[in-house]
Amino acid sequence: MRHGHSRQSRRVMTKDIADRVLESLRPTRHLLTRTLADVPIGGPEYRQIDRVVQEIDDLAKVLIGDGTHFHREGNSARGSVIDDYGD
C-alpha cells in the first residue's frame, strides 16, 4: 500500500462499464438541467442541482476524458437525450 491507496483503488474501469455508467446517468442529468430552469437562480436548490450536474460532467471527464460528453447530441448508441424525451 502506497500513499494510502490500495492496489484495488488504482484499477481502471473498462470502457464498457464506463459507457454503461454514463448512459445510466444521462436521463438524470437531463432532468436536473431541465429543473434548473424552474428554480430560482442562486438559491440553495439551484446551487445543489448545478453542483450535481457538474459532478456528472466531471465523472465523464475522469471515465472517458471528455467532460462535454453530455453536451453533444447523438453521442450514444441510443440517440440523443432530446430524442429520448421527445423534445
N, C-alpha and C. Protein backbone atom coordinates (compact mmCIF):
# COMPACT_ATOMS: atom_id res chain seq x y z
N MET A 1 0.85 -1.18 0.00
CA MET A 1 0.00 0.00 0.00
C MET A 1 0.89 1.24 0.00
N ARG A 2 0.69 2.13 -0.98
CA ARG A 2 1.44 3.37 -1.05
C ARG A 2 0.51 4.56 -1.00
N HIS A 3 0.95 5.59 -0.37
CA HIS A 3 0.20 6.86 -0.33
C HIS A 3 -1.25 6.68 0.10
N GLY A 4 -1.51 5.68 0.91
CA GLY A 4 -2.85 5.48 1.43
C GLY A 4 -3.84 4.87 0.47
N HIS A 5 -3.37 4.43 -0.69
CA HIS A 5 -4.26 3.83 -1.69
C HIS A 5 -3.97 2.35 -1.81
N SER A 6 -5.00 1.57 -1.85
CA SER A 6 -4.81 0.14 -2.06
C SER A 6 -4.63 -0.13 -3.55
N ARG A 7 -4.13 -1.29 -3.88
CA ARG A 7 -3.99 -1.67 -5.28
C ARG A 7 -5.32 -1.61 -6.01
N GLN A 8 -6.36 -2.07 -5.33
CA GLN A 8 -7.67 -2.11 -5.97
C GLN A 8 -8.15 -0.72 -6.39
N SER A 9 -7.82 0.30 -5.65
CA SER A 9 -8.30 1.65 -5.97
C SER A 9 -7.64 2.22 -7.22
N ARG A 10 -6.55 1.60 -7.71
CA ARG A 10 -5.86 2.09 -8.89
C ARG A 10 -6.31 1.39 -10.17
N ARG A 11 -7.25 0.50 -10.08
CA ARG A 11 -7.74 -0.17 -11.29
C ARG A 11 -8.47 0.82 -12.17
N VAL A 12 -8.34 0.61 -13.45
CA VAL A 12 -9.01 1.46 -14.43
C VAL A 12 -10.30 0.77 -14.86
N MET A 13 -11.36 1.52 -14.89
CA MET A 13 -12.65 0.98 -15.31
C MET A 13 -12.61 0.68 -16.81
N THR A 14 -13.22 -0.43 -17.20
CA THR A 14 -13.26 -0.76 -18.62
C THR A 14 -14.15 0.24 -19.37
N LYS A 15 -13.90 0.37 -20.66
CA LYS A 15 -14.70 1.28 -21.48
C LYS A 15 -16.17 0.88 -21.46
N ASP A 16 -16.45 -0.41 -21.50
CA ASP A 16 -17.83 -0.89 -21.49
C ASP A 16 -18.56 -0.46 -20.21
N ILE A 17 -17.90 -0.64 -19.09
CA ILE A 17 -18.52 -0.24 -17.81
C ILE A 17 -18.67 1.27 -17.75
N ALA A 18 -17.64 2.01 -18.17
CA ALA A 18 -17.73 3.47 -18.17
C ALA A 18 -18.88 3.95 -19.03
N ASP A 19 -19.04 3.35 -20.21
CA ASP A 19 -20.15 3.73 -21.10
C ASP A 19 -21.50 3.44 -20.45
N ARG A 20 -21.62 2.30 -19.79
CA ARG A 20 -22.89 1.95 -19.13
C ARG A 20 -23.19 2.90 -17.98
N VAL A 21 -22.17 3.27 -17.21
CA VAL A 21 -22.36 4.22 -16.11
C VAL A 21 -22.85 5.56 -16.66
N LEU A 22 -22.19 6.05 -17.67
CA LEU A 22 -22.57 7.35 -18.23
C LEU A 22 -23.95 7.31 -18.86
N GLU A 23 -24.28 6.24 -19.55
CA GLU A 23 -25.62 6.14 -20.13
C GLU A 23 -26.69 6.07 -19.04
N SER A 24 -26.39 5.45 -17.92
CA SER A 24 -27.37 5.38 -16.84
C SER A 24 -27.58 6.76 -16.20
N LEU A 25 -26.57 7.62 -16.27
CA LEU A 25 -26.68 8.97 -15.71
C LEU A 25 -27.31 9.97 -16.67
N ARG A 26 -27.38 9.63 -17.95
CA ARG A 26 -27.90 10.56 -18.97
C ARG A 26 -29.30 11.09 -18.62
N PRO A 27 -30.30 10.23 -18.32
CA PRO A 27 -31.63 10.79 -18.03
C PRO A 27 -31.66 11.62 -16.75
N THR A 28 -30.85 11.25 -15.79
CA THR A 28 -30.80 12.02 -14.54
C THR A 28 -30.23 13.41 -14.80
N ARG A 29 -29.14 13.48 -15.55
CA ARG A 29 -28.53 14.77 -15.85
C ARG A 29 -29.49 15.63 -16.66
N HIS A 30 -30.18 15.01 -17.60
CA HIS A 30 -31.15 15.75 -18.41
C HIS A 30 -32.25 16.35 -17.54
N LEU A 31 -32.81 15.55 -16.65
CA LEU A 31 -33.85 16.05 -15.75
C LEU A 31 -33.33 17.17 -14.87
N LEU A 32 -32.13 17.03 -14.35
CA LEU A 32 -31.56 18.06 -13.49
C LEU A 32 -31.35 19.36 -14.26
N THR A 33 -30.84 19.29 -15.47
CA THR A 33 -30.62 20.52 -16.23
C THR A 33 -31.95 21.19 -16.60
N ARG A 34 -32.96 20.39 -16.87
CA ARG A 34 -34.30 20.96 -17.14
C ARG A 34 -34.87 21.62 -15.89
N THR A 35 -34.59 21.02 -14.74
CA THR A 35 -35.09 21.55 -13.47
C THR A 35 -34.46 22.90 -13.14
N LEU A 36 -33.22 23.11 -13.56
CA LEU A 36 -32.56 24.40 -13.29
C LEU A 36 -33.36 25.58 -13.83
N ALA A 37 -34.10 25.37 -14.89
CA ALA A 37 -34.90 26.45 -15.47
C ALA A 37 -36.10 26.81 -14.61
N ASP A 38 -36.46 25.92 -13.69
CA ASP A 38 -37.67 26.13 -12.89
C ASP A 38 -37.42 26.53 -11.44
N VAL A 39 -36.16 26.64 -11.05
CA VAL A 39 -35.87 27.03 -9.67
C VAL A 39 -35.14 28.36 -9.67
N PRO A 40 -35.27 29.14 -8.60
CA PRO A 40 -34.63 30.46 -8.56
C PRO A 40 -33.10 30.35 -8.67
N ILE A 41 -32.55 31.13 -9.60
CA ILE A 41 -31.10 31.15 -9.79
C ILE A 41 -30.43 31.61 -8.50
N GLY A 42 -29.41 30.90 -8.10
CA GLY A 42 -28.64 31.27 -6.92
C GLY A 42 -29.19 30.73 -5.62
N GLY A 43 -30.39 30.17 -5.65
CA GLY A 43 -30.96 29.59 -4.43
C GLY A 43 -30.28 28.28 -4.08
N PRO A 44 -30.56 27.77 -2.89
CA PRO A 44 -29.89 26.54 -2.46
C PRO A 44 -30.20 25.35 -3.36
N GLU A 45 -31.43 25.26 -3.86
CA GLU A 45 -31.77 24.16 -4.75
C GLU A 45 -30.99 24.27 -6.06
N TYR A 46 -30.94 25.47 -6.61
CA TYR A 46 -30.22 25.70 -7.86
C TYR A 46 -28.75 25.34 -7.70
N ARG A 47 -28.13 25.82 -6.64
CA ARG A 47 -26.71 25.57 -6.43
C ARG A 47 -26.42 24.08 -6.29
N GLN A 48 -27.26 23.37 -5.56
CA GLN A 48 -27.02 21.95 -5.36
C GLN A 48 -27.25 21.15 -6.64
N ILE A 49 -28.31 21.48 -7.37
CA ILE A 49 -28.57 20.79 -8.63
C ILE A 49 -27.43 21.05 -9.61
N ASP A 50 -27.00 22.30 -9.69
CA ASP A 50 -25.90 22.65 -10.58
C ASP A 50 -24.63 21.89 -10.18
N ARG A 51 -24.40 21.74 -8.91
CA ARG A 51 -23.23 21.00 -8.42
C ARG A 51 -23.29 19.54 -8.84
N VAL A 52 -24.47 18.92 -8.76
CA VAL A 52 -24.61 17.52 -9.16
C VAL A 52 -24.37 17.37 -10.66
N VAL A 53 -24.91 18.29 -11.46
CA VAL A 53 -24.67 18.26 -12.91
C VAL A 53 -23.18 18.36 -13.18
N GLN A 54 -22.51 19.27 -12.51
CA GLN A 54 -21.06 19.43 -12.69
C GLN A 54 -20.31 18.17 -12.28
N GLU A 55 -20.74 17.52 -11.22
CA GLU A 55 -20.09 16.27 -10.79
C GLU A 55 -20.28 15.17 -11.84
N ILE A 56 -21.44 15.11 -12.46
CA ILE A 56 -21.67 14.13 -13.52
C ILE A 56 -20.73 14.41 -14.69
N ASP A 57 -20.59 15.69 -15.07
CA ASP A 57 -19.67 16.05 -16.14
C ASP A 57 -18.23 15.74 -15.77
N ASP A 58 -17.87 15.98 -14.51
CA ASP A 58 -16.53 15.67 -14.05
C ASP A 58 -16.27 14.16 -14.08
N LEU A 59 -17.28 13.37 -13.76
CA LEU A 59 -17.15 11.92 -13.82
C LEU A 59 -16.90 11.48 -15.27
N ALA A 60 -17.62 12.08 -16.21
CA ALA A 60 -17.38 11.77 -17.62
C ALA A 60 -15.95 12.09 -18.01
N LYS A 61 -15.43 13.20 -17.51
CA LYS A 61 -14.04 13.58 -17.79
C LYS A 61 -13.08 12.53 -17.25
N VAL A 62 -13.33 12.04 -16.06
CA VAL A 62 -12.46 11.02 -15.45
C VAL A 62 -12.57 9.69 -16.21
N LEU A 63 -13.80 9.29 -16.53
CA LEU A 63 -14.00 7.97 -17.12
C LEU A 63 -13.58 7.88 -18.58
N ILE A 64 -13.89 8.91 -19.35
CA ILE A 64 -13.62 8.82 -20.80
C ILE A 64 -12.80 10.00 -21.32
N GLY A 65 -12.39 10.89 -20.43
CA GLY A 65 -11.56 12.01 -20.85
C GLY A 65 -12.31 13.12 -21.54
N ASP A 66 -13.64 13.16 -21.38
CA ASP A 66 -14.45 14.16 -22.07
C ASP A 66 -15.54 14.69 -21.14
N GLY A 67 -15.29 15.86 -20.57
CA GLY A 67 -16.26 16.48 -19.68
C GLY A 67 -17.45 17.07 -20.41
N THR A 68 -17.39 17.11 -21.74
CA THR A 68 -18.51 17.64 -22.53
C THR A 68 -19.32 16.51 -23.16
N HIS A 69 -19.11 15.30 -22.71
CA HIS A 69 -19.79 14.11 -23.25
C HIS A 69 -21.30 14.31 -23.38
N PHE A 70 -21.92 14.89 -22.39
CA PHE A 70 -23.38 15.05 -22.38
C PHE A 70 -23.84 16.31 -23.10
N HIS A 71 -22.92 17.15 -23.52
CA HIS A 71 -23.29 18.42 -24.15
C HIS A 71 -23.63 18.27 -25.62
N ARG A 72 -23.22 17.16 -26.20
CA ARG A 72 -23.44 16.94 -27.62
C ARG A 72 -24.64 16.03 -27.84
N GLU A 73 -25.36 16.27 -28.89
CA GLU A 73 -26.49 15.40 -29.25
C GLU A 73 -25.97 14.23 -30.07
N GLY A 74 -26.65 13.11 -29.96
CA GLY A 74 -26.36 11.97 -30.82
C GLY A 74 -25.06 11.26 -30.51
N ASN A 75 -24.54 11.38 -29.28
CA ASN A 75 -23.27 10.73 -28.98
C ASN A 75 -23.44 9.37 -28.34
N SER A 76 -24.64 8.83 -28.32
CA SER A 76 -24.83 7.50 -27.76
C SER A 76 -25.45 6.60 -28.81
N ALA A 77 -25.35 5.33 -28.57
CA ALA A 77 -25.94 4.36 -29.50
C ALA A 77 -27.47 4.47 -29.50
N ARG A 78 -28.04 4.95 -28.39
CA ARG A 78 -29.49 5.06 -28.28
C ARG A 78 -30.03 6.32 -28.92
N GLY A 79 -29.20 7.27 -29.26
CA GLY A 79 -29.67 8.53 -29.80
C GLY A 79 -29.48 9.63 -28.78
N SER A 80 -29.92 10.80 -29.10
CA SER A 80 -29.70 11.93 -28.22
C SER A 80 -30.72 11.97 -27.10
N VAL A 81 -30.39 12.75 -26.09
CA VAL A 81 -31.31 12.95 -24.97
C VAL A 81 -32.60 13.57 -25.47
N ILE A 82 -32.49 14.50 -26.40
CA ILE A 82 -33.69 15.15 -26.93
C ILE A 82 -34.60 14.11 -27.58
N ASP A 83 -34.03 13.21 -28.35
CA ASP A 83 -34.84 12.17 -28.96
C ASP A 83 -35.47 11.26 -27.92
N ASP A 84 -34.73 10.93 -26.86
CA ASP A 84 -35.23 10.04 -25.82
C ASP A 84 -36.42 10.63 -25.07
N TYR A 85 -36.49 11.95 -24.99
CA TYR A 85 -37.54 12.59 -24.22
C TYR A 85 -38.58 13.26 -25.07
N GLY A 86 -38.43 13.16 -26.37
CA GLY A 86 -39.45 13.69 -27.27
C GLY A 86 -39.50 15.19 -27.33
N ASP A 87 -38.40 15.86 -26.99
CA ASP A 87 -38.36 17.32 -27.07
C ASP A 87 -37.93 17.78 -28.44
